[in-house]
């Protein structure tokens, strides 16, 4: 089998195989092979309006994930980015009808519009009453040119499906549900940005070329390139560029309430989507626009495109009420965003880790500077021997310090410990925070002596080992700290000078780091890569050796 970016058996089986799994994993859902549509297993109450939608596959969870009580009755999946055919749609329409008529929710693409139109004509032969809502929310394709299809239908489709589905359950007749849907569609506008294109399953070529460091603005959900291209900007600037296009088109003004959808296009992490929504909420709040409800996640995707779309709907009280109505559609979140008031400050209170008081501390400044200058190299070492986050953790703990550090050795060691605990987190934060805190506790007396230092480093080593259970040879910081502690104990027994003791500790730690090249990690995330880490020195042990070298040069 040729190489692929996707899990599949064969490109031509991709959709059927996916549908097989979807139906098996979803309650109240069945597949009709005769015509090719998905429909609820449980029938609608007699006389209730049915909602039917559909479109090309590759946008999941749209539309299949929104089949359920309170949303869609049936959906027709086409091939990747290809409209379903009229016979599919007609079959679903007739099967979905419970006597109240069927509403089609159609995205404004030529193939979809044509095939749904033909399907309504065919369904009329079976005496099924139908109506249609055309969703055309994408302002990137807003044009007055005659003969052009106009705005594409994108993420506002989910909002229309949700509100129309709730109105149908409420008991509204077909004309009323259709009128509501058109009102929602007219009040909704969207625009999208991509940082990387998508790739169709079975292909190794992306849908368009996008150089590193650039973003595509106004892209479509079928892998289409955008209407503009620019250098990648901050999330704040991206939102600030989209909102002035969206808000006027949706008729949103100061004092209005809105529903906001921040939608991932397939390869965008929820951390990014939440970040984007925070920017949207803040900028709308500053403009005097109230976010009444919100939806944040990946709902209308473009396969594996790295990007996001922003939808704003000018809302009225009825829309909010219908938004809050319950639904059993599996892709609709159990809880959606409430009314946004004051935004939460997501930062942590700055720790008391100042190191800018008193006399200059040259040796600890030299240590911090060396680590900060080596972040990229440490990251590369950890990428080869672990999970690649070590350099990032070191930077998080140390980058905020203004050099030179100031304070006594104990004061600066305590500051470093606090910073590692609070700013670095994870294993690195715990280990280095523990190490520096133990040294702070053991070296509070001034001046240092060889005996005092040996006892403090031994206590630090014991605490690290008690914390994670690492031993020499496990390819961790212990491989540097343990030989340094042994060297200091030996120096204390021999009553050697502090300078000589520190030099022997530094040499022993350096030798310990060298030994990690030939060892196999047994602790930490580096242990997961097994023999792949051989030949690579442990970055944590390396940083510890730099600490002892800096101390030896004090």
Protein backbone atom coordinates (compact mmCIF):
# COMPACT_ATOMS: atom_id res chain seq x y z
CA UNK A 1 0.00 0.00 0.00
CA UNK A 2 1.32 3.46 -0.88
CA UNK A 3 2.21 5.81 1.95
CA UNK A 4 -0.72 7.78 3.36
CA UNK A 5 -1.39 10.53 5.85
CA UNK A 6 -4.59 8.77 6.89
CA UNK A 7 -5.77 5.52 8.41
CA UNK A 8 -7.55 3.74 5.58
CA UNK A 9 -7.90 0.41 3.82
CA UNK A 10 -8.23 1.82 0.32
CA UNK A 11 -9.08 5.35 -0.85
CA UNK A 12 -12.21 4.16 -2.62
CA UNK A 13 -13.41 2.48 0.60
CA UNK A 14 -12.69 5.42 2.87
CA UNK A 15 -16.27 6.74 3.20
CA UNK A 16 -18.08 3.35 3.38
CA UNK A 17 -15.62 2.07 5.97
CA UNK A 18 -15.99 5.23 8.02
CA UNK A 19 -19.80 5.05 7.88
CA UNK A 20 -19.68 1.45 9.08
CA UNK A 21 -17.82 2.51 12.20
CA UNK A 22 -19.95 5.61 12.75
CA UNK A 23 -23.22 3.68 12.74
CA UNK A 24 -21.79 0.99 15.01
CA UNK A 25 -20.64 3.64 17.50
CA UNK A 26 -23.79 5.81 17.49
CA UNK A 27 -27.14 5.16 19.09
CA UNK A 28 -30.35 6.06 17.23
CA UNK A 29 -28.67 5.98 13.84
CA UNK A 30 -28.92 3.68 10.85
CA UNK A 31 -27.64 3.64 7.27
CA UNK A 32 -29.93 3.16 4.30
CA UNK A 33 -27.98 1.36 1.58
CA UNK A 34 -30.67 1.62 -1.06
CA UNK A 35 -30.40 5.37 -1.40
CA UNK A 36 -27.36 6.22 0.75
CA UNK A 37 -28.42 8.27 3.73
CA UNK A 38 -28.18 8.28 7.52
CA UNK A 39 -31.40 8.54 9.50
CA UNK A 40 -32.61 8.32 13.08
CA UNK A 41 -33.72 4.86 14.13
CA UNK A 42 -36.54 6.25 16.26
CA UNK A 43 -39.40 7.79 14.24
CA UNK A 44 -40.50 11.38 14.74
CA UNK A 45 -43.83 12.08 16.45
CA UNK A 46 -46.61 12.25 13.89
CA UNK A 47 -46.91 15.72 12.41
CA UNK A 48 -43.46 17.00 13.48
CA UNK A 49 -41.35 18.78 10.90
CA UNK A 50 -38.29 16.77 9.84
CA UNK A 51 -34.93 18.48 9.22
CA UNK A 52 -32.70 16.99 6.51
CA UNK A 53 -29.28 18.21 5.47
CA UNK A 54 -26.14 16.85 3.91
CA UNK A 55 -23.08 17.62 1.87
CA UNK A 56 -19.68 16.34 0.93
CA UNK A 57 -17.82 14.18 3.43
CA UNK A 58 -14.71 15.61 5.06
CA UNK A 59 -16.60 18.17 7.17
CA UNK A 60 -17.36 15.81 10.05
CA UNK A 61 -18.97 15.96 12.51
CA UNK A 62 -21.17 17.97 10.12
CA UNK A 63 -23.69 16.61 9.19
CA UNK A 64 -23.81 13.07 10.53
CA UNK A 65 -22.89 14.05 14.08
CA UNK A 66 -25.91 16.33 14.33
CA UNK A 67 -28.54 13.68 13.65
CA UNK A 68 -30.62 13.26 16.77
CA UNK A 69 -33.54 14.54 18.81
CA UNK A 70 -33.67 18.31 18.56
CA UNK A 71 -31.54 18.58 15.42
CA UNK A 72 -31.42 16.63 12.16
CA UNK A 73 -33.68 13.72 11.28
CA UNK A 74 -31.50 12.54 8.40
CA UNK A 75 -28.34 13.49 6.52
CA UNK A 76 -26.87 12.57 3.15
CA UNK A 77 -23.07 12.18 2.91
CA UNK A 78 -21.44 12.68 -0.46
CA UNK A 79 -17.94 11.72 -1.43
CA UNK A 80 -15.09 13.87 -0.09
CA UNK A 81 -16.05 17.52 -0.70
CA UNK A 82 -18.72 16.41 -3.21
CA UNK A 83 -22.45 17.05 -3.03
CA UNK A 84 -24.74 14.09 -2.36
CA UNK A 85 -26.87 13.16 -5.36
CA UNK A 86 -30.54 13.99 -5.78
CA UNK A 87 -31.71 10.40 -5.32
CA UNK A 88 -29.91 10.14 -1.97
CA UNK A 89 -31.56 13.32 -0.79
CA UNK A 90 -35.00 12.40 -2.12
CA UNK A 91 -34.84 9.01 -0.43
CA UNK A 92 -33.89 10.61 2.88
CA UNK A 93 -36.60 13.23 2.50
CA UNK A 94 -39.39 10.72 1.95
CA UNK A 95 -38.14 8.46 4.75
CA UNK A 96 -37.82 11.34 7.22
CA UNK A 97 -41.28 12.77 6.66
CA UNK A 98 -43.62 12.26 9.62
CA UNK A 99 -46.51 14.13 8.06
CA UNK A 100 -45.34 17.60 9.01
CA UNK A 101 -43.17 18.16 5.97
CA UNK A 102 -39.40 18.28 5.56
CA UNK A 103 -37.06 21.26 5.75
CA UNK A 104 -33.80 21.09 3.77
CA UNK A 105 -30.85 22.97 5.26
CA UNK A 106 -28.51 23.53 2.32
CA UNK A 107 -25.06 25.11 2.17
CA UNK A 108 -24.69 27.51 -0.73
CA UNK A 109 -22.61 25.48 -3.16
CA UNK A 110 -23.78 24.91 -6.71
CA UNK A 111 -23.85 21.10 -6.51
CA UNK A 112 -25.69 21.09 -3.18
CA UNK A 113 -28.24 23.65 -4.34
CA UNK A 114 -28.95 21.76 -7.56
CA UNK A 115 -29.25 18.31 -6.04
CA UNK A 116 -31.42 19.39 -3.11
CA UNK A 117 -33.67 21.25 -5.56
CA UNK A 118 -34.11 18.16 -7.75
CA UNK A 119 -34.72 16.05 -4.63
CA UNK A 120 -37.59 18.30 -3.55
CA UNK A 121 -39.22 17.82 -6.96
CA UNK A 122 -38.86 14.05 -6.65
CA UNK A 123 -40.19 14.05 -3.07
CA UNK A 124 -43.24 16.01 -4.22
CA UNK A 125 -44.16 12.99 -6.36
CA UNK A 126 -44.63 11.14 -3.06
CA UNK A 127 -46.78 14.00 -1.70
CA UNK A 128 -44.06 15.12 0.73
CA UNK A 129 -44.19 18.82 1.47
CA UNK A 130 -40.75 20.47 1.55
CA UNK A 131 -39.10 23.82 2.06
CA UNK A 132 -35.50 25.00 2.09
CA UNK A 133 -33.14 27.26 4.01
CA UNK A 134 -30.02 28.30 2.11
CA UNK A 135 -27.05 29.00 4.36
CA UNK A 136 -24.68 31.57 2.82
CA UNK A 137 -22.57 32.97 5.63
CA UNK A 138 -19.00 33.21 4.25
CA UNK A 139 -18.13 36.90 3.76
CA UNK A 140 -14.90 35.97 1.96
CA UNK A 141 -17.00 35.23 -1.14
CA UNK A 142 -19.47 38.06 -0.70
CA UNK A 143 -19.78 39.52 -4.20
CA UNK A 144 -22.33 41.48 -6.14
CA UNK A 145 -21.12 40.08 -9.45
CA UNK A 146 -23.98 38.68 -11.48
CA UNK A 147 -23.78 35.00 -12.29
CA UNK A 148 -21.54 34.13 -9.33
CA UNK A 149 -22.87 31.82 -6.59
CA UNK A 150 -22.19 34.35 -3.84
CA UNK A 151 -21.38 33.59 -0.22
CA UNK A 152 -20.51 29.99 0.59
CA UNK A 153 -22.26 28.09 3.36
CA UNK A 154 -19.94 27.24 6.24
CA UNK A 155 -20.12 26.96 10.03
CA UNK A 156 -23.38 28.90 10.41
CA UNK A 157 -25.01 25.72 9.09
CA UNK A 158 -24.70 24.17 12.54
CA UNK A 159 -26.52 27.10 14.13
CA UNK A 160 -29.36 26.87 11.61
CA UNK A 161 -29.67 23.12 12.13
CA UNK A 162 -29.76 23.51 15.92
CA UNK A 163 -32.35 26.29 16.04
CA UNK A 164 -34.59 24.79 13.34
CA UNK A 165 -34.42 21.39 15.02
CA UNK A 166 -35.47 22.90 18.33
CA UNK A 167 -38.33 24.80 16.68
CA UNK A 168 -39.54 21.58 15.07
CA UNK A 169 -39.58 19.80 18.43
CA UNK A 170 -41.44 22.79 19.88
CA UNK A 171 -44.22 22.08 17.39
CA UNK A 172 -43.73 24.83 14.82
CA UNK A 173 -45.12 24.03 11.39
CA UNK A 174 -43.01 23.80 8.25
CA UNK A 175 -43.51 27.42 7.19
CA UNK A 176 -42.58 28.72 10.64
CA UNK A 177 -39.46 26.56 10.90
CA UNK A 178 -38.33 27.65 7.44
CA UNK A 179 -38.95 31.31 8.26
CA UNK A 180 -36.89 30.97 11.44
CA UNK A 181 -34.08 29.26 9.54
CA UNK A 182 -33.92 32.02 6.96
CA UNK A 183 -33.86 34.63 9.71
CA UNK A 184 -30.94 32.86 11.39
CA UNK A 185 -29.07 32.46 8.10
CA UNK A 186 -29.55 36.15 7.29
CA UNK A 187 -28.17 37.14 10.69
CA UNK A 188 -25.06 34.89 10.46
CA UNK A 189 -21.74 35.67 8.83
CA UNK A 190 -18.41 33.84 8.93
CA UNK A 191 -14.82 33.97 7.76
CA UNK A 192 -11.91 31.55 8.08
CA UNK A 193 -8.11 31.53 8.23
CA UNK A 194 -5.76 28.59 7.61
CA UNK A 195 -2.18 28.04 8.75
CA UNK A 196 -1.81 24.86 6.68
CA UNK A 197 -3.89 23.28 3.89
CA UNK A 198 -5.70 19.96 4.02
CA UNK A 199 -4.83 16.78 2.13
CA UNK A 200 -7.48 14.53 0.63
CA UNK A 201 -7.23 10.88 1.80
CA UNK A 202 -5.22 8.86 -0.67
CA UNK A 203 -3.30 11.89 -1.87
CA UNK A 204 0.11 13.11 -0.77
CA UNK A 205 -0.37 16.56 -2.29
CA UNK A 206 -2.05 19.29 -0.22
CA UNK A 207 -5.04 21.18 -1.58
CA UNK A 208 -2.90 24.29 -2.06
CA UNK A 209 0.64 25.41 -1.35
CA UNK A 210 1.21 27.63 1.65
CA UNK A 211 4.79 28.66 2.54
CA UNK A 212 5.94 28.46 6.15
CA UNK A 213 5.26 31.65 8.05
CA UNK A 214 2.25 32.62 5.95
CA UNK A 215 -1.50 32.23 6.48
CA UNK A 216 -4.33 31.93 4.01
CA UNK A 217 -7.23 34.30 4.69
CA UNK A 218 -10.79 33.60 3.56
CA UNK A 219 -10.35 29.91 2.81
CA UNK A 220 -13.28 27.58 2.12
CA UNK A 221 -14.22 24.31 3.80
CA UNK A 222 -13.46 22.26 0.68
CA UNK A 223 -9.74 22.95 0.76
CA UNK A 224 -10.06 26.06 -1.44
CA UNK A 225 -7.32 28.63 -1.16
CA UNK A 226 -8.32 31.95 0.33
CA UNK A 227 -8.88 35.41 -1.05
CA UNK A 228 -5.73 36.82 0.51
CA UNK A 229 -2.41 35.74 2.00
CA UNK A 230 -0.33 37.40 4.72
CA UNK A 231 2.43 36.65 7.22
CA UNK A 232 1.18 34.70 10.22
CA UNK A 233 -0.09 37.19 12.79
CA UNK A 234 -0.98 36.97 16.47
CA UNK A 235 -4.37 35.55 17.40
CA UNK A 236 -5.43 39.01 18.56
CA UNK A 237 -4.53 40.56 15.23
CA UNK A 238 -6.25 37.78 13.26
CA UNK A 239 -9.49 38.29 15.18
CA UNK A 240 -9.15 42.05 14.77
CA UNK A 241 -8.90 41.53 11.01
CA UNK A 242 -11.89 39.18 10.76
CA UNK A 243 -14.43 40.97 12.95
CA UNK A 244 -14.63 44.16 10.83
CA UNK A 245 -15.50 41.95 7.85
CA UNK A 246 -18.06 39.85 9.73
CA UNK A 247 -19.93 42.28 12.00
CA UNK A 248 -21.19 44.77 9.40
CA UNK A 249 -22.22 41.94 7.08
CA UNK A 250 -24.25 40.39 9.90
CA UNK A 251 -25.77 43.75 10.81
CA UNK A 252 -24.27 43.62 14.29
CA UNK A 253 -23.89 46.93 16.09
CA UNK A 254 -23.15 48.30 19.55
CA UNK A 255 -25.59 46.94 22.14
CA UNK A 256 -26.53 43.80 20.20
CA UNK A 257 -26.40 40.28 21.56
CA UNK A 258 -24.72 37.61 19.46
CA UNK A 259 -24.07 33.90 19.24
CA UNK A 260 -20.42 33.17 18.44
CA UNK A 261 -19.00 30.00 16.92
CA UNK A 262 -15.23 29.50 16.90
CA UNK A 263 -14.81 26.43 14.73
CA UNK A 264 -11.71 24.33 14.14
CA UNK A 265 -11.08 23.14 10.61
CA UNK A 266 -9.74 19.71 11.54
CA UNK A 267 -6.17 20.03 12.83
CA UNK A 268 -6.53 22.91 15.26
CA UNK A 269 -6.18 22.09 18.94
CA UNK A 270 -8.81 23.07 21.49
CA UNK A 271 -6.19 25.18 23.28
CA UNK A 272 -5.93 27.31 20.14
CA UNK A 273 -9.69 27.50 19.68
CA UNK A 274 -10.25 28.60 23.27
CA UNK A 275 -7.51 31.18 22.87
CA UNK A 276 -9.20 32.53 19.74
CA UNK A 277 -12.58 32.67 21.48
CA UNK A 278 -11.05 34.63 24.35
CA UNK A 279 -9.81 37.20 21.84
CA UNK A 280 -13.21 37.32 20.13
CA UNK A 281 -15.07 37.77 23.41
CA UNK A 282 -12.70 40.50 24.57
CA UNK A 283 -12.89 42.45 21.32
CA UNK A 284 -16.69 42.16 21.13
CA UNK A 285 -16.98 43.28 24.75
CA UNK A 286 -14.80 46.28 24.00
CA UNK A 287 -17.12 47.12 21.09
CA UNK A 288 -20.20 46.98 23.32
CA UNK A 289 -21.46 43.70 21.84
CA UNK A 290 -22.64 40.98 24.23
CA UNK A 291 -21.83 37.31 23.63
CA UNK A 292 -25.10 35.67 24.67
CA UNK A 293 -24.05 32.11 23.76
CA UNK A 294 -21.04 30.44 22.20
CA UNK A 295 -19.84 27.22 20.62
CA UNK A 296 -16.11 26.45 20.60
CA UNK A 297 -14.71 23.32 19.00
CA UNK A 298 -14.38 21.48 15.69
CA UNK A 299 -17.83 21.14 14.14
CA UNK A 300 -17.46 21.96 10.42
CA UNK A 301 -14.03 20.75 9.37
CA UNK A 302 -12.05 20.61 6.16
CA UNK A 303 -10.39 17.24 6.75
CA UNK A 304 -7.03 17.96 8.41
CA UNK A 305 -6.75 21.66 7.67
CA UNK A 306 -4.96 23.68 10.35
CA UNK A 307 -7.20 26.68 10.69
CA UNK A 308 -10.32 28.13 12.23
CA UNK A 309 -13.47 29.93 11.23
CA UNK A 310 -15.31 32.62 13.14
CA UNK A 311 -19.09 32.91 12.95
CA UNK A 312 -21.17 35.67 14.52
CA UNK A 313 -24.97 35.50 14.60
CA UNK A 314 -27.04 38.55 15.52
CA UNK A 315 -29.27 36.93 18.12
CA UNK A 316 -32.74 37.63 19.47
CA UNK A 317 -34.38 36.13 22.59
CA UNK A 318 -36.11 33.39 20.59
CA UNK A 319 -32.81 32.24 19.09
CA UNK A 320 -31.21 32.04 22.53
CA UNK A 321 -34.18 30.06 23.87
CA UNK A 322 -33.97 27.57 21.00
CA UNK A 323 -30.19 27.36 21.39
CA UNK A 324 -30.67 26.23 24.98
CA UNK A 325 -33.25 23.56 24.08
CA UNK A 326 -32.01 20.00 24.68
CA UNK A 327 -30.75 17.82 21.85
CA UNK A 328 -29.59 14.23 21.57
CA UNK A 329 -27.28 14.87 18.60
CA UNK A 330 -23.97 13.21 19.56
CA UNK A 331 -21.69 15.95 18.20
CA UNK A 332 -23.50 18.76 20.00
CA UNK A 333 -21.71 19.46 23.29
CA UNK A 334 -23.54 18.69 26.51
CA UNK A 335 -22.80 22.23 27.67
CA UNK A 336 -22.32 25.22 25.41
CA UNK A 337 -20.96 28.62 26.32
CA UNK A 338 -23.08 30.78 28.66
CA UNK A 339 -23.50 34.53 28.47
CA UNK A 340 -20.04 36.09 28.64
CA UNK A 341 -19.49 38.66 31.35
CA UNK A 342 -16.09 39.75 32.61
CA UNK A 343 -13.30 37.62 31.16
CA UNK A 344 -11.15 35.63 33.53
CA UNK A 345 -7.45 36.42 33.78
CA UNK A 346 -5.90 33.07 32.90
CA UNK A 347 -2.47 33.81 34.34
CA UNK A 348 -1.09 32.62 37.67
CA UNK A 349 -0.12 35.17 40.30
CA UNK A 350 3.57 35.90 39.91
CA UNK A 351 5.59 33.89 42.46
CA UNK A 352 7.92 35.52 44.94
CA UNK A 353 11.04 34.50 43.03
CA UNK A 354 12.81 37.83 42.77
CA UNK A 355 16.59 37.73 42.49
CA UNK A 356 17.30 41.42 42.05
CA UNK A 357 18.19 42.55 45.55
CA UNK A 358 21.60 42.83 47.16
CA UNK A 359 25.01 42.10 45.76
CA UNK A 360 25.57 40.56 42.35
CA UNK A 361 25.68 36.75 42.43
CA UNK A 362 28.13 35.97 39.67
CA UNK A 363 28.22 32.20 39.68
CA UNK A 364 24.48 31.59 39.74
CA UNK A 365 24.09 34.30 37.08
CA UNK A 366 26.60 32.40 34.93
CA UNK A 367 24.64 29.18 35.42
CA UNK A 368 21.31 30.76 34.46
CA UNK A 369 22.84 32.49 31.44
CA UNK A 370 24.37 29.26 30.17
CA UNK A 371 21.07 27.39 30.44
CA UNK A 372 19.13 30.16 28.72
CA UNK A 373 21.61 30.33 25.85
CA UNK A 374 21.34 26.55 25.40
CA UNK A 375 17.56 26.14 25.29
CA UNK A 376 17.52 25.16 21.61
CA UNK A 377 20.31 22.60 22.08
CA UNK A 378 18.60 21.16 25.17
CA UNK A 379 15.33 20.88 23.27
CA UNK A 380 17.06 18.98 20.48
CA UNK A 381 18.71 16.60 22.96
CA UNK A 382 15.35 15.92 24.59
CA UNK A 383 13.68 15.50 21.21
CA UNK A 384 16.13 12.70 20.48
CA UNK A 385 16.06 11.17 23.96
CA UNK A 386 12.60 12.06 25.30
CA UNK A 387 9.53 14.08 24.43
CA UNK A 388 11.16 17.36 23.43
CA UNK A 389 9.84 19.66 26.17
CA UNK A 390 12.93 19.96 28.39
CA UNK A 391 14.32 23.12 26.79
CA UNK A 392 10.90 24.73 26.95
CA UNK A 393 10.66 23.96 30.66
CA UNK A 394 14.10 25.40 31.30
CA UNK A 395 13.16 28.57 29.44
CA UNK A 396 9.88 28.84 31.33
CA UNK A 397 11.73 28.75 34.65
CA UNK A 398 14.62 31.08 33.81
CA UNK A 399 13.81 33.41 30.91
CA UNK A 400 12.17 36.14 33.01
CA UNK A 401 15.24 36.84 35.13
CA UNK A 402 17.19 40.03 34.52
CA UNK A 403 20.90 39.26 34.69
CA UNK A 404 22.98 39.54 36.73
CA UNK A 405 21.06 37.89 39.54
CA UNK A 406 21.40 39.57 42.90
CA UNK A 407 21.24 38.16 46.42
CA UNK A 408 23.02 35.70 48.66
CA UNK A 409 23.49 32.14 47.47
CA UNK A 410 20.61 30.96 49.68
CA UNK A 411 18.29 33.75 48.50
CA UNK A 412 18.92 33.06 44.84
CA UNK A 413 18.66 29.29 45.28
CA UNK A 414 15.25 29.76 46.91
CA UNK A 415 14.16 32.06 44.08
CA UNK A 416 15.24 29.49 41.50
CA UNK A 417 13.42 26.74 43.35
CA UNK A 418 10.20 28.75 43.47
CA UNK A 419 10.44 29.61 39.80
CA UNK A 420 10.97 25.99 38.76
CA UNK A 421 8.02 24.80 40.84
CA UNK A 422 5.63 27.47 39.56
CA UNK A 423 6.81 28.30 36.05
CA UNK A 424 8.24 25.04 34.68
CA UNK A 425 5.87 22.45 36.08
CA UNK A 426 6.01 18.79 35.10
CA UNK A 427 8.91 16.52 35.96
CA UNK A 428 11.57 19.16 35.30
CA UNK A 429 9.87 21.67 37.56
CA UNK A 430 9.46 19.13 40.34
CA UNK A 431 13.03 17.79 40.15
CA UNK A 432 14.90 21.07 39.76
CA UNK A 433 12.61 22.83 42.23
CA UNK A 434 13.29 20.12 44.79
CA UNK A 435 17.04 20.24 44.14
CA UNK A 436 17.37 24.00 44.58
CA UNK A 437 15.05 24.08 47.59
CA UNK A 438 17.09 21.39 49.33
CA UNK A 439 20.30 23.35 48.65
CA UNK A 440 18.67 26.51 49.98
CA UNK A 441 17.71 24.72 53.19
CA UNK A 442 21.11 23.10 53.59
CA UNK A 443 23.28 26.10 52.68
CA UNK A 444 21.58 28.84 54.71
CA UNK A 445 24.69 29.15 56.84
CA UNK A 446 27.39 31.50 55.56
CA UNK A 447 30.16 31.01 54.64
CA UNK A 448 30.04 27.59 53.00
CA UNK A 449 32.32 24.78 54.05
CA UNK A 450 33.13 21.54 52.29
CA UNK A 451 31.27 19.58 54.96
CA UNK A 452 28.21 21.86 54.74
CA UNK A 453 28.08 21.62 50.94
CA UNK A 454 28.52 17.83 50.93
CA UNK A 455 25.65 17.41 53.38
CA UNK A 456 23.37 19.77 51.41
CA UNK A 457 23.99 18.08 48.04
CA UNK A 458 23.48 14.64 49.61
CA UNK A 459 20.15 15.81 51.04
CA UNK A 460 19.16 17.20 47.65
CA UNK A 461 20.05 13.89 45.98
CA UNK A 462 18.07 11.90 48.56
CA UNK A 463 15.00 14.07 48.02
CA UNK A 464 15.19 13.76 44.23
CA UNK A 465 15.53 9.99 44.46
CA UNK A 466 12.66 9.74 46.93
CA UNK A 467 10.57 11.83 44.57
CA UNK A 468 11.00 9.74 41.42
CA UNK A 469 12.91 6.62 42.39
CA UNK A 470 15.74 7.21 39.90
CA UNK A 471 19.12 5.61 40.38
CA UNK A 472 22.49 6.00 38.67
CA UNK A 473 22.27 4.54 35.17
CA UNK A 474 18.60 5.44 34.67
CA UNK A 475 19.58 8.36 32.40
CA UNK A 476 18.27 11.18 34.61
CA UNK A 477 19.65 14.12 36.60
CA UNK A 478 20.74 11.58 39.21
CA UNK A 479 23.53 10.48 36.87
CA UNK A 480 25.17 13.89 37.41
CA UNK A 481 24.11 14.69 40.98
CA UNK A 482 25.01 11.32 42.52
CA UNK A 483 28.68 11.27 41.43
CA UNK A 484 28.95 14.93 42.46
CA UNK A 485 27.58 14.05 45.90
CA UNK A 486 30.04 11.14 46.20
CA UNK A 487 32.92 13.43 45.25
CA UNK A 488 31.87 16.00 47.86
CA UNK A 489 31.55 13.32 50.57
CA UNK A 490 35.05 12.11 49.75
CA UNK A 491 36.40 15.67 49.84
CA UNK A 492 34.77 16.28 53.22
CA UNK A 493 36.31 13.11 54.65
CA UNK A 494 39.73 14.14 53.33
CA UNK A 495 39.18 17.68 54.67
CA UNK A 496 39.90 19.18 51.25
CA UNK A 497 39.29 22.86 50.57
CA UNK A 498 35.93 24.07 49.29
CA UNK A 499 37.52 25.07 45.96
CA UNK A 500 39.04 21.65 45.46
CA UNK A 501 35.82 19.94 46.55
CA UNK A 502 33.73 21.90 44.04
CA UNK A 503 36.17 21.14 41.23
CA UNK A 504 36.05 17.42 41.96
CA UNK A 505 32.23 17.55 42.08
CA UNK A 506 32.10 19.32 38.73
CA UNK A 507 34.44 16.77 37.15
CA UNK A 508 32.43 13.87 38.58
CA UNK A 509 29.13 15.33 37.35
CA UNK A 510 30.59 15.84 33.88
CA UNK A 511 31.78 12.23 33.78
CA UNK A 512 28.31 11.15 34.87
CA UNK A 513 26.76 13.03 31.96
CA UNK A 514 29.13 11.34 29.52
CA UNK A 515 28.06 7.96 30.89
CA UNK A 516 24.42 8.68 30.10
CA UNK A 517 25.22 8.46 26.38
CA UNK A 518 25.56 4.70 26.65
CA UNK A 519 22.70 4.08 29.07
CA UNK A 520 19.06 3.24 28.40
CA UNK A 521 16.53 5.46 30.12
CA UNK A 522 14.56 3.71 32.85
CA UNK A 523 12.72 6.69 34.32
CA UNK A 524 10.74 9.61 32.99
CA UNK A 525 9.35 10.05 29.49
CA UNK A 526 12.73 9.24 27.93
CA UNK A 527 12.13 5.65 29.09
CA UNK A 528 9.31 5.39 26.53
CA UNK A 529 11.70 5.64 23.56
CA UNK A 530 13.94 2.77 24.73
CA UNK A 531 17.11 2.19 22.72
CA UNK A 532 16.38 5.20 20.52
CA UNK A 533 17.88 7.33 23.30
CA UNK A 534 21.25 5.56 23.21
CA UNK A 535 24.15 7.76 22.14
CA UNK A 536 22.42 10.89 23.47
CA UNK A 537 23.43 12.51 26.73
CA UNK A 538 20.63 13.25 29.16
CA UNK A 539 19.77 16.97 29.03
CA UNK A 540 18.73 17.11 32.70
CA UNK A 541 22.03 15.60 33.83
CA UNK A 542 23.84 18.04 31.55
CA UNK A 543 22.20 21.06 33.17
CA UNK A 544 23.04 19.71 36.61
CA UNK A 545 26.68 19.36 35.55
CA UNK A 546 26.64 23.01 34.43
CA UNK A 547 25.44 23.96 37.90
CA UNK A 548 28.43 22.27 39.53
CA UNK A 549 30.80 23.77 36.96
CA UNK A 550 29.46 27.25 37.73
CA UNK A 551 29.88 26.59 41.46
CA UNK A 552 33.47 25.44 40.89
CA UNK A 553 34.23 28.73 39.12
CA UNK A 554 32.61 30.93 41.80
